[in-house]
Amino acid sequence: MKIAHTTIYAPHQSGLYETTREIVAAERKAGHDSRLVDWMADVFLVDRGVPYAPRHWMNGADVVIDHNGIGDIQNISAPIVVMLHGTPEYCFVQAQYHDCDLWSAPTMAAAAPRVSALVTLSERYLPAWSLVAPHGKLSAVSPPVDLDYWSPNGAGFDYGSPTTNIAITDRWRPTKHSFELLVGVLLYAESHPGTLLHLYAAPDPVTGALAGILGSLRAKGVLGTVMGAVDATALRAAYRCADLVLTSDCGTARTIREAMACGCPVLADTNDTTPSCNMHDPAAIAAGIEALLGHDGPAARRATARTEAERLFDPSNTARGLERIYKRILRG
């Protein structure tokens, strides 16, 4: 099958791009002629074994998958599938309160006769996306992560000698921040001396109220590394040596997939995929850390995280799920 995946060229800069590349790689491994196509300009490159094709290549494709919602679908003759990256809540909040309309693209796609299907990367998002997409057009597939690249094997970060290293790698946004997570770690650290919190993707520079909070955590001996934007190499090193990653995301977010693939246990917001708790309640966060780190030893916890990543986030499962959708569309 000839499959075109449209996106914007951004290696190691965008979770959306990395997810798209992983899907294409898995489809190619399954025997499909699957390629990346940049809507904005013709790109003639190969990214980690995955080739780009010029835009005219889409004209002969069996299926076109739009990952960014920015292309001119009127000029495409093949059936079109729109991938719904991210969470419905984030798209809604950005559109409603922050003058960043991420909601209209899936709404318009759902209504467009040229769009044959909309696909989300989590079944938990189906009820919310059903508010904009007709039931017959909406499907879910399992999310992928590159299990070779995000691996326990390789260089790790030297955290020194504290008893417990907890990492937060979420980006700080007005719609999603780690304030309660900081307080939850503080509560845990009060009864577990030697605990250090490490922040990646923190605001840079750190200013205002956050600067004061981090100063207080440092004075209490709880704050370790604080870094702004970090590349994938630094993230892999952090995940390979941290005892735990805390995230306000749910069970299939990019942060969770990458950390677990590197063998790092994850405590996430309430979900049915990973160990979780109410991330808006610092006391629940502290109890969740206690429960997760008090179960088994470090090696067993890391082995479990990796095994679960292989079960939940194998890109071949994503490719098979999409193939079923393609075949259904092509059958008419």
Protein backbone atom coordinates (compact mmCIF):
# COMPACT_ATOMS: atom_id res chain seq x y z
CA MET A 1 0.00 0.00 0.00
CA LYS A 2 1.26 3.49 -0.88
CA ILE A 3 0.73 5.77 2.13
CA ALA A 4 1.59 9.48 2.44
CA HIS A 5 1.89 11.04 5.90
CA THR A 6 1.86 14.83 5.80
CA THR A 7 3.66 16.78 8.49
CA ILE A 8 6.21 19.56 8.95
CA TYR A 9 9.89 18.62 9.01
CA ALA A 10 11.02 18.90 12.64
CA PRO A 11 13.28 16.02 13.78
CA HIS A 12 13.73 15.88 17.57
CA GLN A 13 11.81 19.16 17.92
CA SER A 14 8.20 18.06 18.09
CA GLY A 15 6.41 15.16 19.73
CA LEU A 16 3.88 15.20 16.89
CA TYR A 17 6.66 14.86 14.33
CA GLU A 18 8.35 12.02 16.23
CA THR A 19 5.09 10.11 16.56
CA THR A 20 4.44 10.53 12.83
CA ARG A 21 7.92 9.33 11.92
CA GLU A 22 7.51 6.27 14.19
CA ILE A 23 4.24 5.37 12.45
CA VAL A 24 5.84 5.65 9.00
CA ALA A 25 8.82 3.53 10.09
CA ALA A 26 6.49 0.83 11.43
CA GLU A 27 4.41 0.81 8.23
CA ARG A 28 7.54 0.49 6.12
CA LYS A 29 8.70 -2.41 8.30
CA ALA A 30 5.33 -4.06 7.64
CA GLY A 31 5.96 -3.83 3.88
CA HIS A 32 4.08 -0.65 2.92
CA ASP A 33 5.53 2.13 0.79
CA SER A 34 4.92 4.73 3.48
CA ARG A 35 6.63 8.15 3.31
CA LEU A 36 6.68 11.55 4.95
CA VAL A 37 5.52 14.57 2.93
CA ASP A 38 5.98 18.17 4.07
CA TRP A 39 2.93 20.30 3.22
CA MET A 40 5.01 23.49 3.18
CA ALA A 41 7.89 22.59 0.87
CA ASP A 42 9.36 19.67 -1.02
CA VAL A 43 11.86 17.90 1.21
CA PHE A 44 14.34 15.39 -0.22
CA LEU A 45 15.78 13.82 2.90
CA VAL A 46 15.87 10.57 4.84
CA ASP A 47 15.30 10.87 8.59
CA ARG A 48 16.62 7.84 10.49
CA GLY A 49 15.71 5.48 7.69
CA VAL A 50 12.38 7.13 6.88
CA PRO A 51 12.28 8.89 3.47
CA TYR A 52 10.53 12.11 2.54
CA ALA A 53 8.72 12.39 -0.77
CA PRO A 54 7.88 15.55 -2.76
CA ARG A 55 4.31 16.82 -2.50
CA HIS A 56 3.27 15.51 -5.93
CA TRP A 57 3.96 11.97 -4.64
CA MET A 58 0.63 12.18 -2.77
CA ASN A 59 -1.26 12.17 -6.07
CA GLY A 60 -0.61 8.47 -6.53
CA ALA A 61 -1.04 7.44 -2.90
CA ASP A 62 -3.69 4.97 -1.78
CA VAL A 63 -4.27 6.92 1.44
CA VAL A 64 -3.12 10.33 2.72
CA ILE A 65 -2.81 10.87 6.47
CA ASP A 66 -2.85 14.52 7.55
CA HIS A 67 -1.06 15.04 10.88
CA ASN A 68 -1.07 18.85 11.06
CA GLY A 69 -4.45 19.83 9.69
CA ILE A 70 -2.98 22.54 7.46
CA GLY A 71 -2.94 21.01 4.00
CA ASP A 72 -5.10 21.79 0.98
CA ILE A 73 -7.12 18.59 0.88
CA GLN A 74 -9.16 19.72 -2.11
CA ASN A 75 -6.26 18.85 -4.42
CA ILE A 76 -5.84 15.32 -3.07
CA SER A 77 -7.63 12.50 -4.88
CA ALA A 78 -6.85 9.73 -2.36
CA PRO A 79 -8.94 9.09 0.77
CA ILE A 80 -7.81 11.33 3.63
CA VAL A 81 -7.34 10.32 7.27
CA VAL A 82 -6.86 13.05 9.89
CA MET A 83 -4.76 12.14 12.93
CA LEU A 84 -5.90 13.80 16.15
CA HIS A 85 -2.67 14.34 18.06
CA GLY A 86 -2.82 15.65 21.61
CA THR A 87 -5.76 15.77 24.00
CA PRO A 88 -9.22 17.11 23.22
CA GLU A 89 -9.17 19.15 26.44
CA TYR A 90 -5.95 20.94 25.47
CA CYS A 91 -7.33 21.76 22.01
CA PHE A 92 -10.56 23.08 23.54
CA VAL A 93 -8.85 25.22 26.20
CA GLN A 94 -6.46 26.76 23.70
CA ALA A 95 -9.30 27.62 21.35
CA GLN A 96 -11.67 28.91 24.04
CA TYR A 97 -9.31 30.89 26.26
CA HIS A 98 -5.95 31.46 24.58
CA ASP A 99 -6.72 32.60 21.03
CA CYS A 100 -5.06 29.51 19.58
CA ASP A 101 -7.74 27.66 17.64
CA LEU A 102 -6.77 24.00 17.73
CA TRP A 103 -10.43 22.98 17.84
CA SER A 104 -11.66 24.13 14.45
CA ALA A 105 -9.32 21.87 12.43
CA PRO A 106 -10.79 18.57 13.72
CA THR A 107 -14.28 20.11 13.58
CA MET A 108 -13.87 21.05 9.93
CA ALA A 109 -12.20 17.73 9.13
CA ALA A 110 -15.12 15.83 10.65
CA ALA A 111 -17.54 17.73 8.42
CA ALA A 112 -15.46 17.51 5.23
CA PRO A 113 -16.74 14.91 2.74
CA ARG A 114 -13.16 14.43 1.55
CA VAL A 115 -12.08 13.15 4.98
CA SER A 116 -12.79 9.44 5.39
CA ALA A 117 -11.66 8.97 9.00
CA LEU A 118 -10.37 10.73 12.10
CA VAL A 119 -8.01 8.76 14.34
CA THR A 120 -6.95 9.45 17.91
CA LEU A 121 -4.06 7.78 19.72
CA SER A 122 -6.06 6.87 22.82
CA GLU A 123 -9.42 5.22 23.34
CA ARG A 124 -9.96 7.43 26.39
CA TYR A 125 -10.29 10.43 24.04
CA LEU A 126 -13.07 8.89 21.92
CA PRO A 127 -15.98 10.32 23.98
CA ALA A 128 -14.61 13.86 23.80
CA TRP A 129 -13.73 13.71 20.11
CA SER A 130 -17.19 12.28 19.40
CA LEU A 131 -18.50 15.77 20.17
CA VAL A 132 -17.06 16.93 16.84
CA ALA A 133 -16.69 13.76 14.79
CA PRO A 134 -19.48 11.45 13.57
CA HIS A 135 -19.18 8.04 15.18
CA GLY A 136 -18.60 6.29 11.86
CA LYS A 137 -15.57 8.45 11.07
CA LEU A 138 -13.85 8.20 14.47
CA SER A 139 -11.39 5.48 15.49
CA ALA A 140 -8.54 4.95 17.96
CA VAL A 141 -5.21 3.16 17.63
CA SER A 142 -2.51 2.52 20.21
CA PRO A 143 0.22 5.20 20.43
CA PRO A 144 3.79 4.37 19.33
CA VAL A 145 7.26 5.06 20.64
CA ASP A 146 10.59 4.10 19.05
CA LEU A 147 11.60 1.26 21.37
CA ASP A 148 15.12 1.11 19.93
CA TYR A 149 15.86 4.82 20.33
CA TRP A 150 14.10 5.20 23.69
CA SER A 151 15.88 2.38 25.42
CA PRO A 152 17.35 1.58 28.85
CA ASN A 153 20.67 0.93 27.14
CA GLY A 154 23.08 3.85 26.84
CA ALA A 155 24.56 6.74 28.79
CA GLY A 156 22.72 7.94 31.87
CA PHE A 157 22.75 11.13 33.91
CA ASP A 158 24.90 11.17 37.04
CA TYR A 159 22.58 12.40 39.78
CA GLY A 160 25.15 11.85 42.51
CA SER A 161 24.21 10.05 45.68
CA PRO A 162 20.72 11.06 46.86
CA THR A 163 18.41 8.27 47.94
CA THR A 164 15.66 9.04 45.40
CA ASN A 165 15.69 11.03 42.16
CA ILE A 166 12.34 12.23 40.85
CA ALA A 167 12.12 13.94 37.45
CA ILE A 168 9.46 16.20 35.95
CA THR A 169 9.82 16.69 32.21
CA ASP A 170 6.49 18.32 31.35
CA ARG A 171 6.57 21.66 29.57
CA TRP A 172 5.07 24.50 31.59
CA ARG A 173 2.04 26.07 29.94
CA PRO A 174 -0.82 28.23 31.24
CA THR A 175 -3.11 25.26 30.62
CA LYS A 176 -0.79 22.69 32.17
CA HIS A 177 1.77 23.28 34.87
CA SER A 178 3.53 21.31 37.60
CA PHE A 179 2.70 23.39 40.68
CA GLU A 180 0.86 20.61 42.56
CA LEU A 181 3.58 18.15 41.53
CA LEU A 182 6.23 20.32 43.22
CA VAL A 183 4.25 20.39 46.44
CA GLY A 184 3.61 16.65 46.26
CA VAL A 185 7.34 15.94 45.96
CA LEU A 186 8.00 18.26 48.91
CA LEU A 187 5.51 16.33 51.05
CA TYR A 188 7.16 13.04 50.07
CA ALA A 189 10.66 14.39 50.71
CA GLU A 190 9.75 15.52 54.23
CA SER A 191 9.49 11.86 55.27
CA HIS A 192 12.16 10.57 52.88
CA PRO A 193 15.41 12.53 53.37
CA GLY A 194 17.73 12.49 50.38
CA THR A 195 14.95 12.89 47.83
CA LEU A 196 15.82 15.25 44.99
CA LEU A 197 13.51 16.75 42.39
CA HIS A 198 14.90 17.43 38.90
CA LEU A 199 13.10 19.71 36.45
CA TYR A 200 13.53 19.46 32.69
CA ALA A 201 11.79 21.74 30.16
CA ALA A 202 11.35 24.31 32.92
CA PRO A 203 10.68 27.94 31.94
CA ASP A 204 13.92 29.61 30.92
CA PRO A 205 14.63 31.97 32.52
CA VAL A 206 12.80 31.04 35.72
CA THR A 207 11.10 34.20 36.97
CA GLY A 208 8.27 35.45 39.16
CA ALA A 209 6.48 33.17 41.63
CA LEU A 210 8.15 30.05 40.23
CA ALA A 211 11.61 31.45 41.00
CA GLY A 212 10.56 31.95 44.61
CA ILE A 213 9.12 28.46 44.89
CA LEU A 214 12.21 26.81 43.41
CA GLY A 215 14.40 28.90 45.72
CA SER A 216 12.45 27.56 48.70
CA LEU A 217 12.75 23.97 47.46
CA ARG A 218 16.50 24.43 46.99
CA ALA A 219 16.83 25.88 50.51
CA LYS A 220 15.03 22.79 51.85
CA GLY A 221 17.51 20.56 50.03
CA VAL A 222 14.87 19.09 47.74
CA LEU A 223 15.73 20.69 44.39
CA GLY A 224 18.38 19.18 42.14
CA THR A 225 18.84 19.82 38.41
CA VAL A 226 16.83 22.58 36.73
CA MET A 227 17.10 22.79 32.95
CA GLY A 228 15.16 24.59 30.23
CA ALA A 229 14.58 23.02 26.84
CA VAL A 230 16.53 19.77 26.56
CA ASP A 231 17.23 17.52 23.60
CA ALA A 232 16.35 13.87 23.27
CA THR A 233 19.84 12.76 24.29
CA ALA A 234 19.56 14.57 27.62
CA LEU A 235 16.05 13.23 28.21
CA ARG A 236 17.14 9.65 27.58
CA ALA A 237 20.03 10.08 30.01
CA ALA A 238 17.64 11.44 32.65
CA TYR A 239 15.08 8.67 32.20
CA ARG A 240 17.74 5.95 32.41
CA CYS A 241 18.79 7.02 35.90
CA ALA A 242 15.75 8.66 37.52
CA ASP A 243 13.81 6.56 40.00
CA LEU A 244 10.51 8.04 38.91
CA VAL A 245 8.98 10.48 36.42
CA LEU A 246 6.03 12.55 37.59
CA THR A 247 3.65 13.95 34.98
CA SER A 248 0.29 15.68 34.93
CA ASP A 249 -0.40 13.89 31.64
CA CYS A 250 -2.47 10.73 31.34
CA GLY A 251 -1.49 7.24 30.31
CA THR A 252 -0.54 7.58 26.64
CA ALA A 253 1.21 10.97 26.45
CA ARG A 254 4.59 11.26 24.75
CA THR A 255 6.43 11.87 28.05
CA ILE A 256 5.04 8.64 29.47
CA ARG A 257 5.89 6.55 26.41
CA GLU A 258 9.48 7.77 26.24
CA ALA A 259 10.17 7.43 29.96
CA MET A 260 8.74 3.92 30.23
CA ALA A 261 10.61 2.80 27.11
CA CYS A 262 13.82 3.90 28.85
CA GLY A 263 12.86 1.77 31.83
CA CYS A 264 11.78 4.61 34.09
CA PRO A 265 8.64 4.13 36.21
CA VAL A 266 5.99 6.81 35.70
CA LEU A 267 3.37 8.21 38.05
CA ALA A 268 0.76 9.98 35.92
CA ASP A 269 -2.61 11.63 36.30
CA THR A 270 -5.55 9.32 36.87
CA ASN A 271 -5.76 6.72 34.08
CA ASP A 272 -6.00 2.98 33.51
CA THR A 273 -2.65 2.49 31.75
CA THR A 274 0.08 3.45 34.24
CA PRO A 275 0.40 3.87 38.02
CA SER A 276 -1.58 7.03 38.67
CA CYS A 277 -3.18 9.38 41.17
CA ASN A 278 -5.00 12.69 41.30
CA MET A 279 -2.31 15.12 40.15
CA HIS A 280 -4.28 18.06 41.53
CA ASP A 281 -3.89 16.76 45.10
CA PRO A 282 -0.34 17.04 46.55
CA ALA A 283 -1.14 14.59 49.36
CA ALA A 284 -2.31 12.03 46.78
CA ILE A 285 0.87 12.62 44.78
CA ALA A 286 3.06 12.00 47.84
CA ALA A 287 1.10 8.83 48.61
CA GLY A 288 1.38 7.73 44.98
CA ILE A 289 5.16 8.15 45.04
CA GLU A 290 5.30 6.18 48.29
CA ALA A 291 3.22 3.36 46.83
CA LEU A 292 5.18 3.12 43.59
CA LEU A 293 8.69 3.37 45.04
CA GLY A 294 7.81 1.12 47.95
CA HIS A 295 6.89 -1.72 45.60
CA ASP A 296 9.71 -4.03 44.45
CA GLY A 297 13.32 -2.90 44.07
CA PRO A 298 14.71 -0.40 41.53
CA ALA A 299 15.77 -3.06 39.02
CA ALA A 300 12.38 -4.78 39.10
CA ARG A 301 10.55 -1.47 38.76
CA ARG A 302 12.63 -0.51 35.75
CA ALA A 303 12.15 -3.90 34.11
CA THR A 304 8.39 -3.64 34.60
CA ALA A 305 8.30 -0.15 33.05
CA ARG A 306 10.15 -1.34 29.96
CA THR A 307 8.03 -4.46 29.60
CA GLU A 308 4.84 -2.40 29.82
CA ALA A 309 6.18 0.05 27.22
CA GLU A 310 6.83 -2.83 24.84
CA ARG A 311 3.30 -4.14 25.40
CA LEU A 312 1.47 -0.81 25.18
CA PHE A 313 3.51 1.31 22.77
CA ASP A 314 5.00 -1.03 20.15
CA PRO A 315 4.79 0.90 16.83
CA SER A 316 3.87 -2.30 15.00
CA ASN A 317 0.57 -2.33 16.90
CA THR A 318 -0.12 1.23 15.74
CA ALA A 319 0.66 0.26 12.14
CA ARG A 320 -1.67 -2.75 12.28
CA GLY A 321 -4.47 -0.64 13.73
CA LEU A 322 -4.09 1.95 10.98
CA GLU A 323 -3.89 -0.72 8.29
CA ARG A 324 -7.31 -2.01 9.37
CA ILE A 325 -8.70 1.52 9.03
CA TYR A 326 -7.12 1.99 5.58
CA LYS A 327 -8.53 -1.28 4.32
CA ARG A 328 -12.00 -0.44 5.62
CA ILE A 329 -11.88 2.91 3.81
CA LEU A 330 -10.61 1.43 0.56
CA ARG A 331 -13.31 -1.23 0.60
CA GLY A 332 -15.82 1.64 0.67
